[in-house]
Amino acid sequence: ADYIARLVEASHPEAAAAPAVVRDYVTYGASPRAGLALAEAARAQALLAGRPTAGFEDVQAVAEAVLNHRLILNYRARLDRVDSRQVVAGLLSAVRPVDLDLPNEVRLEEPRP
């Protein structure tokens, strides 16, 4: 839930956590309902994969489908030929699934394709 909330928050250009791609190309970010839709879609993704609960990889798998029509891009995005899929990809790469400093011995594994 925290990861989803941070993704939605970072989708707003005025947010401190917004990556450059969002600040440069987004006029209006995702609404709180987008967070609810993202959580439900991630649960469905996990269920289809045979898992009882959703994980970070499920959120990442459905984020483009859920968020791409919920981001309102600015005219600069159009001029630079940037679409919402690229913005969502930038958002996913900028927002870490776990938002805390981990000891050096602990490594986060990247999701497998």
PDB file of N, CA and C in Angstrom:
ATOM      1  N   ALA A   1       0.829  -1.191   0.000  1.00  0.00           N
ATOM      2  CA  ALA A   1       0.000   0.000   0.000  1.00  0.00           C
ATOM      3  C   ALA A   1       0.871   1.253   0.000  1.00  0.00           C
ATOM      4  N   ASP A   2       1.968   1.207   0.746  1.00  0.00           N
ATOM      5  CA  ASP A   2       2.853   2.365   0.797  1.00  0.00           C
ATOM      6  C   ASP A   2       3.484   2.625  -0.568  1.00  0.00           C
ATOM      7  N   TYR A   3       3.872   1.569  -1.252  1.00  0.00           N
ATOM      8  CA  TYR A   3       4.473   1.715  -2.587  1.00  0.00           C
ATOM      9  C   TYR A   3       3.482   2.363  -3.545  1.00  0.00           C
ATOM     10  N   ILE A   4       2.245   1.918  -3.511  1.00  0.00           N
ATOM     11  CA  ILE A   4       1.218   2.480  -4.388  1.00  0.00           C
ATOM     12  C   ILE A   4       0.997   3.951  -4.058  1.00  0.00           C
ATOM     13  N   ALA A   5       0.913   4.288  -2.790  1.00  0.00           N
ATOM     14  CA  ALA A   5       0.720   5.681  -2.390  1.00  0.00           C
ATOM     15  C   ALA A   5       1.882   6.555  -2.853  1.00  0.00           C
ATOM     16  N   ARG A   6       3.107   6.028  -2.747  1.00  0.00           N
ATOM     17  CA  ARG A   6       4.270   6.799  -3.196  1.00  0.00           C
ATOM     18  C   ARG A   6       4.292   6.960  -4.710  1.00  0.00           C
ATOM     19  N   LEU A   7       3.838   5.932  -5.449  1.00  0.00           N
ATOM     20  CA  LEU A   7       3.751   6.058  -6.907  1.00  0.00           C
ATOM     21  C   LEU A   7       2.754   7.140  -7.296  1.00  0.00           C
ATOM     22  N   VAL A   8       1.580   7.112  -6.666  1.00  0.00           N
ATOM     23  CA  VAL A   8       0.551   8.110  -6.978  1.00  0.00           C
ATOM     24  C   VAL A   8       1.048   9.504  -6.617  1.00  0.00           C
ATOM     25  N   GLU A   9       1.655   9.647  -5.455  1.00  0.00           N
ATOM     26  CA  GLU A   9       2.171  10.954  -5.048  1.00  0.00           C
ATOM     27  C   GLU A   9       3.239  11.451  -6.019  1.00  0.00           C
ATOM     28  N   ALA A  10       4.148  10.581  -6.411  1.00  0.00           N
ATOM     29  CA  ALA A  10       5.238  10.968  -7.313  1.00  0.00           C
ATOM     30  C   ALA A  10       4.752  11.266  -8.724  1.00  0.00           C
ATOM     31  N   SER A  11       3.501  10.938  -9.037  1.00  0.00           N
ATOM     32  CA  SER A  11       2.965  11.231 -10.370  1.00  0.00           C
ATOM     33  C   SER A  11       2.537  12.690 -10.510  1.00  0.00           C
ATOM     34  N   HIS A  12       2.598  13.445  -9.423  1.00  0.00           N
ATOM     35  CA  HIS A  12       2.231  14.865  -9.441  1.00  0.00           C
ATOM     36  C   HIS A  12       3.488  15.713  -9.586  1.00  0.00           C
ATOM     37  N   PRO A  13       3.520  16.608 -10.575  1.00  0.00           N
ATOM     38  CA  PRO A  13       4.748  17.364 -10.840  1.00  0.00           C
ATOM     39  C   PRO A  13       5.198  18.254  -9.687  1.00  0.00           C
ATOM     40  N   GLU A  14       4.279  18.670  -8.828  1.00  0.00           N
ATOM     41  CA  GLU A  14       4.650  19.548  -7.717  1.00  0.00           C
ATOM     42  C   GLU A  14       5.156  18.782  -6.495  1.00  0.00           C
ATOM     43  N   ALA A  15       5.069  17.460  -6.517  1.00  0.00           N
ATOM     44  CA  ALA A  15       5.501  16.645  -5.377  1.00  0.00           C
ATOM     45  C   ALA A  15       7.024  16.624  -5.270  1.00  0.00           C
ATOM     46  N   ALA A  16       7.509  16.604  -4.050  1.00  0.00           N
ATOM     47  CA  ALA A  16       8.959  16.553  -3.832  1.00  0.00           C
ATOM     48  C   ALA A  16       9.562  15.275  -4.401  1.00  0.00           C
ATOM     49  N   ALA A  17       8.793  14.195  -4.400  1.00  0.00           N
ATOM     50  CA  ALA A  17       9.289  12.897  -4.879  1.00  0.00           C
ATOM     51  C   ALA A  17       9.130  12.711  -6.386  1.00  0.00           C
ATOM     52  N   ALA A  18       8.594  13.699  -7.079  1.00  0.00           N
ATOM     53  CA  ALA A  18       8.357  13.560  -8.519  1.00  0.00           C
ATOM     54  C   ALA A  18       9.678  13.479  -9.281  1.00  0.00           C
ATOM     55  N   PRO A  19       9.842  12.450 -10.120  1.00  0.00           N
ATOM     56  CA  PRO A  19      11.059  12.372 -10.937  1.00  0.00           C
ATOM     57  C   PRO A  19      11.023  13.418 -12.047  1.00  0.00           C
ATOM     58  N   ALA A  20      12.143  13.635 -12.679  1.00  0.00           N
ATOM     59  CA  ALA A  20      12.255  14.657 -13.724  1.00  0.00           C
ATOM     60  C   ALA A  20      11.253  14.444 -14.847  1.00  0.00           C
ATOM     61  N   VAL A  21      11.020  13.208 -15.249  1.00  0.00           N
ATOM     62  CA  VAL A  21      10.091  12.948 -16.348  1.00  0.00           C
ATOM     63  C   VAL A  21       8.681  13.419 -15.994  1.00  0.00           C
ATOM     64  N   VAL A  22       8.299  13.321 -14.742  1.00  0.00           N
ATOM     65  CA  VAL A  22       6.986  13.803 -14.301  1.00  0.00           C
ATOM     66  C   VAL A  22       6.986  15.326 -14.239  1.00  0.00           C
ATOM     67  N   ARG A  23       8.007  15.915 -13.644  1.00  0.00           N
ATOM     68  CA  ARG A  23       8.075  17.379 -13.560  1.00  0.00           C
ATOM     69  C   ARG A  23       8.088  18.018 -14.941  1.00  0.00           C
ATOM     70  N   ASP A  24       8.738  17.366 -15.897  1.00  0.00           N
ATOM     71  CA  ASP A  24       8.864  17.934 -17.232  1.00  0.00           C
ATOM     72  C   ASP A  24       7.615  17.772 -18.089  1.00  0.00           C
ATOM     73  N   TYR A  25       6.888  16.672 -17.919  1.00  0.00           N
ATOM     74  CA  TYR A  25       5.853  16.338 -18.894  1.00  0.00           C
ATOM     75  C   TYR A  25       4.433  16.169 -18.358  1.00  0.00           C
ATOM     76  N   VAL A  26       4.223  16.214 -17.063  1.00  0.00           N
ATOM     77  CA  VAL A  26       2.885  15.970 -16.512  1.00  0.00           C
ATOM     78  C   VAL A  26       2.283  17.272 -16.000  1.00  0.00           C
ATOM     79  N   THR A  27       1.021  17.507 -16.370  1.00  0.00           N
ATOM     80  CA  THR A  27       0.275  18.640 -15.832  1.00  0.00           C
ATOM     81  C   THR A  27      -0.502  18.212 -14.600  1.00  0.00           C
ATOM     82  N   TYR A  28      -1.240  17.111 -14.711  1.00  0.00           N
ATOM     83  CA  TYR A  28      -2.019  16.574 -13.597  1.00  0.00           C
ATOM     84  C   TYR A  28      -1.650  15.114 -13.388  1.00  0.00           C
ATOM     85  N   GLY A  29      -1.332  14.765 -12.154  1.00  0.00           N
ATOM     86  CA  GLY A  29      -0.967  13.394 -11.817  1.00  0.00           C
ATOM     87  C   GLY A  29      -2.180  12.537 -11.518  1.00  0.00           C
ATOM     88  N   ALA A  30      -1.919  11.319 -11.107  1.00  0.00           N
ATOM     89  CA  ALA A  30      -2.970  10.341 -10.822  1.00  0.00           C
ATOM     90  C   ALA A  30      -3.732  10.728  -9.553  1.00  0.00           C
ATOM     91  N   SER A  31      -5.018  10.403  -9.546  1.00  0.00           N
ATOM     92  CA  SER A  31      -5.883  10.715  -8.407  1.00  0.00           C
ATOM     93  C   SER A  31      -5.809   9.605  -7.362  1.00  0.00           C
ATOM     94  N   PRO A  32      -6.374   9.840  -6.183  1.00  0.00           N
ATOM     95  CA  PRO A  32      -6.426   8.768  -5.180  1.00  0.00           C
ATOM     96  C   PRO A  32      -7.151   7.520  -5.694  1.00  0.00           C
ATOM     97  N   ARG A  33      -8.129   7.705  -6.549  1.00  0.00           N
ATOM     98  CA  ARG A  33      -8.823   6.540  -7.117  1.00  0.00           C
ATOM     99  C   ARG A  33      -7.898   5.708  -7.996  1.00  0.00           C
ATOM    100  N   ALA A  34      -6.902   6.338  -8.573  1.00  0.00           N
ATOM    101  CA  ALA A  34      -5.917   5.578  -9.349  1.00  0.00           C
ATOM    102  C   ALA A  34      -5.165   4.622  -8.437  1.00  0.00           C
ATOM    103  N   GLY A  35      -4.896   5.052  -7.223  1.00  0.00           N
ATOM    104  CA  GLY A  35      -4.242   4.175  -6.255  1.00  0.00           C
ATOM    105  C   GLY A  35      -5.102   2.973  -5.917  1.00  0.00           C
ATOM    106  N   LEU A  36      -6.399   3.203  -5.759  1.00  0.00           N
ATOM    107  CA  LEU A  36      -7.322   2.092  -5.493  1.00  0.00           C
ATOM    108  C   LEU A  36      -7.355   1.135  -6.676  1.00  0.00           C
ATOM    109  N   ALA A  37      -7.427   1.691  -7.884  1.00  0.00           N
ATOM    110  CA  ALA A  37      -7.454   0.851  -9.084  1.00  0.00           C
ATOM    111  C   ALA A  37      -6.148   0.070  -9.231  1.00  0.00           C
ATOM    112  N   LEU A  38      -5.048   0.699  -8.903  1.00  0.00           N
ATOM    113  CA  LEU A  38      -3.748   0.032  -8.986  1.00  0.00           C
ATOM    114  C   LEU A  38      -3.673  -1.134  -7.999  1.00  0.00           C
ATOM    115  N   ALA A  39      -4.188  -0.935  -6.799  1.00  0.00           N
ATOM    116  CA  ALA A  39      -4.194  -2.010  -5.800  1.00  0.00           C
ATOM    117  C   ALA A  39      -5.077  -3.173  -6.249  1.00  0.00           C
ATOM    118  N   GLU A  40      -6.251  -2.867  -6.772  1.00  0.00           N
ATOM    119  CA  GLU A  40      -7.162  -3.931  -7.220  1.00  0.00           C
ATOM    120  C   GLU A  40      -6.581  -4.688  -8.412  1.00  0.00           C
ATOM    121  N   ALA A  41      -5.999  -3.960  -9.356  1.00  0.00           N
ATOM    122  CA  ALA A  41      -5.406  -4.611 -10.524  1.00  0.00           C
ATOM    123  C   ALA A  41      -4.214  -5.479 -10.114  1.00  0.00           C
ATOM    124  N   ALA A  42      -3.431  -5.025  -9.152  1.00  0.00           N
ATOM    125  CA  ALA A  42      -2.289  -5.817  -8.670  1.00  0.00           C
ATOM    126  C   ALA A  42      -2.774  -7.095  -7.992  1.00  0.00           C
ATOM    127  N   ARG A  43      -3.871  -7.003  -7.244  1.00  0.00           N
ATOM    128  CA  ARG A  43      -4.436  -8.210  -6.622  1.00  0.00           C
ATOM    129  C   ARG A  43      -4.894  -9.199  -7.685  1.00  0.00           C
ATOM    130  N   ALA A  44      -5.536  -8.684  -8.722  1.00  0.00           N
ATOM    131  CA  ALA A  44      -5.984  -9.556  -9.813  1.00  0.00           C
ATOM    132  C   ALA A  44      -4.793 -10.201 -10.514  1.00  0.00           C
ATOM    133  N   GLN A  45      -3.748  -9.430 -10.742  1.00  0.00           N
ATOM    134  CA  GLN A  45      -2.528  -9.947 -11.372  1.00  0.00           C
ATOM    135  C   GLN A  45      -1.937 -11.076 -10.538  1.00  0.00           C
ATOM    136  N   ALA A  46      -1.877 -10.884  -9.228  1.00  0.00           N
ATOM    137  CA  ALA A  46      -1.336 -11.914  -8.337  1.00  0.00           C
ATOM    138  C   ALA A  46      -2.205 -13.164  -8.375  1.00  0.00           C
ATOM    139  N   LEU A  47      -3.504 -12.978  -8.363  1.00  0.00           N
ATOM    140  CA  LEU A  47      -4.425 -14.113  -8.405  1.00  0.00           C
ATOM    141  C   LEU A  47      -4.245 -14.911  -9.691  1.00  0.00           C
ATOM    142  N   LEU A  48      -4.119 -14.217 -10.809  1.00  0.00           N
ATOM    143  CA  LEU A  48      -3.916 -14.898 -12.092  1.00  0.00           C
ATOM    144  C   LEU A  48      -2.583 -15.645 -12.126  1.00  0.00           C
ATOM    145  N   ALA A  49      -1.618 -15.153 -11.369  1.00  0.00           N
ATOM    146  CA  ALA A  49      -0.311 -15.816 -11.301  1.00  0.00           C
ATOM    147  C   ALA A  49      -0.287 -16.911 -10.234  1.00  0.00           C
ATOM    148  N   GLY A  50      -1.408 -17.103  -9.545  1.00  0.00           N
ATOM    149  CA  GLY A  50      -1.493 -18.166  -8.549  1.00  0.00           C
ATOM    150  C   GLY A  50      -0.955 -17.805  -7.182  1.00  0.00           C
ATOM    151  N   ARG A  51      -0.813 -16.509  -6.921  1.00  0.00           N
ATOM    152  CA  ARG A  51      -0.323 -16.069  -5.615  1.00  0.00           C
ATOM    153  C   ARG A  51      -1.476 -15.488  -4.796  1.00  0.00           C
ATOM    154  N   PRO A  52      -1.484 -15.715  -3.484  1.00  0.00           N
ATOM    155  CA  PRO A  52      -2.593 -15.224  -2.664  1.00  0.00           C
ATOM    156  C   PRO A  52      -2.550 -13.725  -2.373  1.00  0.00           C
ATOM    157  N   THR A  53      -1.376 -13.126  -2.466  1.00  0.00           N
ATOM    158  CA  THR A  53      -1.257 -11.693  -2.197  1.00  0.00           C
ATOM    159  C   THR A  53      -0.439 -11.015  -3.288  1.00  0.00           C
ATOM    160  N   ALA A  54      -0.678  -9.738  -3.456  1.00  0.00           N
ATOM    161  CA  ALA A  54       0.037  -8.958  -4.466  1.00  0.00           C
ATOM    162  C   ALA A  54       1.366  -8.476  -3.909  1.00  0.00           C
ATOM    163  N   GLY A  55       2.347  -8.419  -4.780  1.00  0.00           N
ATOM    164  CA  GLY A  55       3.665  -7.917  -4.408  1.00  0.00           C
ATOM    165  C   GLY A  55       4.055  -6.748  -5.293  1.00  0.00           C
ATOM    166  N   PHE A  56       5.256  -6.251  -5.075  1.00  0.00           N
ATOM    167  CA  PHE A  56       5.743  -5.124  -5.865  1.00  0.00           C
ATOM    168  C   PHE A  56       5.702  -5.430  -7.356  1.00  0.00           C
ATOM    169  N   GLU A  57       6.086  -6.663  -7.707  1.00  0.00           N
ATOM    170  CA  GLU A  57       6.126  -7.029  -9.128  1.00  0.00           C
ATOM    171  C   GLU A  57       4.737  -6.994  -9.756  1.00  0.00           C
ATOM    172  N   ASP A  58       3.697  -7.264  -8.986  1.00  0.00           N
ATOM    173  CA  ASP A  58       2.332  -7.194  -9.516  1.00  0.00           C
ATOM    174  C   ASP A  58       1.931  -5.744  -9.766  1.00  0.00           C
ATOM    175  N   VAL A  59       2.282  -4.870  -8.849  1.00  0.00           N
ATOM    176  CA  VAL A  59       1.998  -3.441  -9.030  1.00  0.00           C
ATOM    177  C   VAL A  59       2.712  -2.934 -10.276  1.00  0.00           C
ATOM    178  N   GLN A  60       3.982  -3.304 -10.429  1.00  0.00           N
ATOM    179  CA  GLN A  60       4.752  -2.853 -11.583  1.00  0.00           C
ATOM    180  C   GLN A  60       4.200  -3.421 -12.885  1.00  0.00           C
ATOM    181  N   ALA A  61       3.677  -4.643 -12.838  1.00  0.00           N
ATOM    182  CA  ALA A  61       3.152  -5.280 -14.049  1.00  0.00           C
ATOM    183  C   ALA A  61       1.894  -4.597 -14.567  1.00  0.00           C
ATOM    184  N   VAL A  62       1.092  -4.034 -13.676  1.00  0.00           N
ATOM    185  CA  VAL A  62      -0.181  -3.437 -14.103  1.00  0.00           C
ATOM    186  C   VAL A  62      -0.150  -1.911 -14.118  1.00  0.00           C
ATOM    187  N   ALA A  63       0.937  -1.313 -13.668  1.00  0.00           N
ATOM    188  CA  ALA A  63       0.997   0.145 -13.526  1.00  0.00           C
ATOM    189  C   ALA A  63       0.740   0.880 -14.837  1.00  0.00           C
ATOM    190  N   GLU A  64       1.322   0.415 -15.919  1.00  0.00           N
ATOM    191  CA  GLU A  64       1.123   1.107 -17.194  1.00  0.00           C
ATOM    192  C   GLU A  64      -0.344   1.099 -17.604  1.00  0.00           C
ATOM    193  N   ALA A  65      -0.978  -0.050 -17.521  1.00  0.00           N
ATOM    194  CA  ALA A  65      -2.382  -0.158 -17.919  1.00  0.00           C
ATOM    195  C   ALA A  65      -3.287   0.692 -17.033  1.00  0.00           C
ATOM    196  N   VAL A  66      -2.960   0.775 -15.761  1.00  0.00           N
ATOM    197  CA  VAL A  66      -3.805   1.521 -14.827  1.00  0.00           C
ATOM    198  C   VAL A  66      -3.546   3.023 -14.902  1.00  0.00           C
ATOM    199  N   LEU A  67      -2.299   3.425 -15.032  1.00  0.00           N
ATOM    200  CA  LEU A  67      -1.955   4.843 -14.918  1.00  0.00           C
ATOM    201  C   LEU A  67      -1.891   5.606 -16.233  1.00  0.00           C
ATOM    202  N   ASN A  68      -1.711   4.928 -17.353  1.00  0.00           N
ATOM    203  CA  ASN A  68      -1.415   5.683 -18.580  1.00  0.00           C
ATOM    204  C   ASN A  68      -2.525   6.638 -18.995  1.00  0.00           C
ATOM    205  N   HIS A  69      -3.769   6.338 -18.725  1.00  0.00           N
ATOM    206  CA  HIS A  69      -4.841   7.263 -19.095  1.00  0.00           C
ATOM    207  C   HIS A  69      -5.220   8.191 -17.942  1.00  0.00           C
ATOM    208  N   ARG A  70      -4.551   8.042 -16.810  1.00  0.00           N
ATOM    209  CA  ARG A  70      -4.850   8.881 -15.648  1.00  0.00           C
ATOM    210  C   ARG A  70      -3.850  10.030 -15.486  1.00  0.00           C
ATOM    211  N   LEU A  71      -2.853  10.081 -16.311  1.00  0.00           N
ATOM    212  CA  LEU A  71      -1.884  11.171 -16.283  1.00  0.00           C
ATOM    213  C   LEU A  71      -2.202  12.135 -17.415  1.00  0.00           C
ATOM    214  N   ILE A  72      -2.306  13.411 -17.094  1.00  0.00           N
ATOM    215  CA  ILE A  72      -2.555  14.429 -18.115  1.00  0.00           C
ATOM    216  C   ILE A  72      -1.212  15.076 -18.443  1.00  0.00           C
ATOM    217  N   LEU A  73      -0.774  14.847 -19.671  1.00  0.00           N
ATOM    218  CA  LEU A  73       0.533  15.360 -20.087  1.00  0.00           C
ATOM    219  C   LEU A  73       0.405  16.775 -20.630  1.00  0.00           C
ATOM    220  N   ASN A  74       1.497  17.507 -20.579  1.00  0.00           N
ATOM    221  CA  ASN A  74       1.503  18.880 -21.067  1.00  0.00           C
ATOM    222  C   ASN A  74       1.902  18.939 -22.549  1.00  0.00           C
ATOM    223  N   TYR A  75       1.910  20.153 -23.071  1.00  0.00           N
ATOM    224  CA  TYR A  75       2.220  20.331 -24.486  1.00  0.00           C
ATOM    225  C   TYR A  75       3.680  19.989 -24.792  1.00  0.00           C
ATOM    226  N   ARG A  76       4.553  20.204 -23.832  1.00  0.00           N
ATOM    227  CA  ARG A  76       5.966  19.868 -24.038  1.00  0.00           C
ATOM    228  C   ARG A  76       6.135  18.375 -24.320  1.00  0.00           C
ATOM    229  N   ALA A  77       5.349  17.543 -23.649  1.00  0.00           N
ATOM    230  CA  ALA A  77       5.412  16.098 -23.898  1.00  0.00           C
ATOM    231  C   ALA A  77       5.061  15.804 -25.347  1.00  0.00           C
ATOM    232  N   ARG A  78       4.062  16.500 -25.835  1.00  0.00           N
ATOM    233  CA  ARG A  78       3.660  16.299 -27.231  1.00  0.00           C
ATOM    234  C   ARG A  78       4.780  16.721 -28.185  1.00  0.00           C
ATOM    235  N   LEU A  79       5.394  17.859 -27.902  1.00  0.00           N
ATOM    236  CA  LEU A  79       6.489  18.336 -28.753  1.00  0.00           C
ATOM    237  C   LEU A  79       7.684  17.390 -28.724  1.00  0.00           C
ATOM    238  N   ASP A  80       7.965  16.843 -27.550  1.00  0.00           N
ATOM    239  CA  ASP A  80       9.100  15.929 -27.399  1.00  0.00           C
ATOM    240  C   ASP A  80       8.745  14.483 -27.719  1.00  0.00           C
ATOM    241  N   ARG A  81       7.512  14.261 -28.157  1.00  0.00           N
ATOM    242  CA  ARG A  81       7.018  12.922 -28.513  1.00  0.00           C
ATOM    243  C   ARG A  81       7.150  11.932 -27.350  1.00  0.00           C
ATOM    244  N   VAL A  82       6.782  12.405 -26.180  1.00  0.00           N
ATOM    245  CA  VAL A  82       6.774  11.569 -24.977  1.00  0.00           C
ATOM    246  C   VAL A  82       5.328  11.194 -24.696  1.00  0.00           C
ATOM    247  N   ASP A  83       5.071   9.903 -24.523  1.00  0.00           N
ATOM    248  CA  ASP A  83       3.706   9.482 -24.210  1.00  0.00           C
ATOM    249  C   ASP A  83       3.617   9.023 -22.758  1.00  0.00           C
ATOM    250  N   SER A  84       2.402   8.746 -22.331  1.00  0.00           N
ATOM    251  CA  SER A  84       2.183   8.397 -20.924  1.00  0.00           C
ATOM    252  C   SER A  84       2.875   7.094 -20.543  1.00  0.00           C
ATOM    253  N   ARG A  85       3.056   6.187 -21.496  1.00  0.00           N
ATOM    254  CA  ARG A  85       3.764   4.944 -21.182  1.00  0.00           C
ATOM    255  C   ARG A  85       5.208   5.216 -20.774  1.00  0.00           C
ATOM    256  N   GLN A  86       5.831   6.142 -21.447  1.00  0.00           N
ATOM    257  CA  GLN A  86       7.206   6.500 -21.103  1.00  0.00           C
ATOM    258  C   GLN A  86       7.272   7.173 -19.730  1.00  0.00           C
ATOM    259  N   VAL A  87       6.270   7.985 -19.431  1.00  0.00           N
ATOM    260  CA  VAL A  87       6.228   8.645 -18.128  1.00  0.00           C
ATOM    261  C   VAL A  87       6.038   7.614 -17.020  1.00  0.00           C
ATOM    262  N   VAL A  88       5.138   6.653 -17.227  1.00  0.00           N
ATOM    263  CA  VAL A  88       4.917   5.607 -16.224  1.00  0.00           C
ATOM    264  C   VAL A  88       6.190   4.784 -16.035  1.00  0.00           C
ATOM    265  N   ALA A  89       6.883   4.476 -17.113  1.00  0.00           N
ATOM    266  CA  ALA A  89       8.142   3.726 -17.003  1.00  0.00           C
ATOM    267  C   ALA A  89       9.164   4.514 -16.184  1.00  0.00           C
ATOM    268  N   GLY A  90       9.250   5.810 -16.422  1.00  0.00           N
ATOM    269  CA  GLY A  90      10.158   6.651 -15.647  1.00  0.00           C
ATOM    270  C   GLY A  90       9.763   6.730 -14.186  1.00  0.00           C
ATOM    271  N   LEU A  91       8.477   6.761 -13.946  1.00  0.00           N
ATOM    272  CA  LEU A  91       7.962   6.783 -12.578  1.00  0.00           C
ATOM    273  C   LEU A  91       8.319   5.496 -11.846  1.00  0.00           C
ATOM    274  N   LEU A  92       8.121   4.368 -12.516  1.00  0.00           N
ATOM    275  CA  LEU A  92       8.436   3.074 -11.900  1.00  0.00           C
ATOM    276  C   LEU A  92       9.931   2.926 -11.617  1.00  0.00           C
ATOM    277  N   SER A  93      10.763   3.456 -12.497  1.00  0.00           N
ATOM    278  CA  SER A  93      12.203   3.331 -12.267  1.00  0.00           C
ATOM    279  C   SER A  93      12.690   4.290 -11.182  1.00  0.00           C
ATOM    280  N   ALA A  94      11.962   5.373 -10.952  1.00  0.00           N
ATOM    281  CA  ALA A  94      12.396   6.359  -9.962  1.00  0.00           C
ATOM    282  C   ALA A  94      11.910   6.063  -8.548  1.00  0.00           C
ATOM    283  N   VAL A  95      10.753   5.424  -8.430  1.00  0.00           N
ATOM    284  CA  VAL A  95      10.182   5.160  -7.103  1.00  0.00           C
ATOM    285  C   VAL A  95      10.564   3.749  -6.685  1.00  0.00           C
ATOM    286  N   ARG A  96      11.350   3.649  -5.644  1.00  0.00           N
ATOM    287  CA  ARG A  96      11.796   2.337  -5.158  1.00  0.00           C
ATOM    288  C   ARG A  96      10.653   1.614  -4.457  1.00  0.00           C
ATOM    289  N   PRO A  97      10.563   0.300  -4.633  1.00  0.00           N
ATOM    290  CA  PRO A  97       9.508  -0.452  -3.938  1.00  0.00           C
ATOM    291  C   PRO A  97       9.595  -0.339  -2.419  1.00  0.00           C
ATOM    292  N   VAL A  98      10.803  -0.331  -1.888  1.00  0.00           N
ATOM    293  CA  VAL A  98      10.989  -0.221  -0.445  1.00  0.00           C
ATOM    294  C   VAL A  98      11.642   1.122  -0.173  1.00  0.00           C
ATOM    295  N   ASP A  99      10.966   1.949   0.605  1.00  0.00           N
ATOM    296  CA  ASP A  99      11.451   3.301   0.856  1.00  0.00           C
ATOM    297  C   ASP A  99      12.143   3.392   2.212  1.00  0.00           C
ATOM    298  N   LEU A 100      13.289   2.745   2.311  1.00  0.00           N
ATOM    299  CA  LEU A 100      14.086   2.855   3.526  1.00  0.00           C
ATOM    300  C   LEU A 100      15.512   2.485   3.206  1.00  0.00           C
ATOM    301  N   ASP A 101      16.372   2.983   4.025  1.00  0.00           N
ATOM    302  CA  ASP A 101      17.785   2.673   3.827  1.00  0.00           C
ATOM    303  C   ASP A 101      18.072   1.304   4.418  1.00  0.00           C
ATOM    304  N   LEU A 102      18.532   0.418   3.585  1.00  0.00           N
ATOM    305  CA  LEU A 102      18.835  -0.940   4.018  1.00  0.00           C
ATOM    306  C   LEU A 102      20.331  -1.086   4.248  1.00  0.00           C
ATOM    307  N   PRO A 103      20.719  -1.966   5.152  1.00  0.00           N
ATOM    308  CA  PRO A 103      22.146  -2.228   5.338  1.00  0.00           C
ATOM    309  C   PRO A 103      22.764  -2.755   4.044  1.00  0.00           C
ATOM    310  N   ASN A 104      24.047  -2.580   3.902  1.00  0.00           N
ATOM    311  CA  ASN A 104      24.740  -3.014   2.690  1.00  0.00           C
ATOM    312  C   ASN A 104      24.599  -4.505   2.426  1.00  0.00           C
ATOM    313  N   GLU A 105      24.410  -5.305   3.492  1.00  0.00           N
ATOM    314  CA  GLU A 105      24.289  -6.756   3.308  1.00  0.00           C
ATOM    315  C   GLU A 105      22.968  -7.153   2.650  1.00  0.00           C
ATOM    316  N   VAL A 106      21.985  -6.280   2.744  1.00  0.00           N
ATOM    317  CA  VAL A 106      20.659  -6.595   2.205  1.00  0.00           C
ATOM    318  C   VAL A 106      20.546  -5.993   0.814  1.00  0.00           C
ATOM    319  N   ARG A 107      20.170  -6.824  -0.133  1.00  0.00           N
ATOM    320  CA  ARG A 107      20.024  -6.358  -1.509  1.00  0.00           C
ATOM    321  C   ARG A 107      18.602  -6.600  -1.976  1.00  0.00           C
ATOM    322  N   LEU A 108      18.070  -5.637  -2.705  1.00  0.00           N
ATOM    323  CA  LEU A 108      16.764  -5.818  -3.327  1.00  0.00           C
ATOM    324  C   LEU A 108      16.980  -6.476  -4.673  1.00  0.00           C
ATOM    325  N   GLU A 109      16.259  -7.525  -4.930  1.00  0.00           N
ATOM    326  CA  GLU A 109      16.359  -8.183  -6.228  1.00  0.00           C
ATOM    327  C   GLU A 109      15.401  -7.515  -7.191  1.00  0.00           C
ATOM    328  N   GLU A 110      15.864  -7.328  -8.401  1.00  0.00           N
ATOM    329  CA  GLU A 110      15.008  -6.785  -9.442  1.00  0.00           C
ATOM    330  C   GLU A 110      14.002  -7.849  -9.848  1.00  0.00           C
ATOM    331  N   PRO A 111      12.759  -7.439 -10.152  1.00  0.00           N
ATOM    332  CA  PRO A 111      11.774  -8.434 -10.588  1.00  0.00           C
ATOM    333  C   PRO A 111      12.207  -9.104 -11.885  1.00  0.00           C
ATOM    334  N   ARG A 112      11.914 -10.356 -11.995  1.00  0.00           N
ATOM    335  CA  ARG A 112      12.245 -11.094 -13.214  1.00  0.00           C
ATOM    336  C   ARG A 112      11.179 -10.839 -14.263  1.00  0.00           C
ATOM    337  N   PRO A 113      11.591 -10.714 -15.524  1.00  0.00           N
ATOM    338  CA  PRO A 113      10.608 -10.461 -16.598  1.00  0.00           C
ATOM    339  C   PRO A 113       9.706 -11.641 -16.850  1.00  0.00           C
TER     340      PRO A 113
END
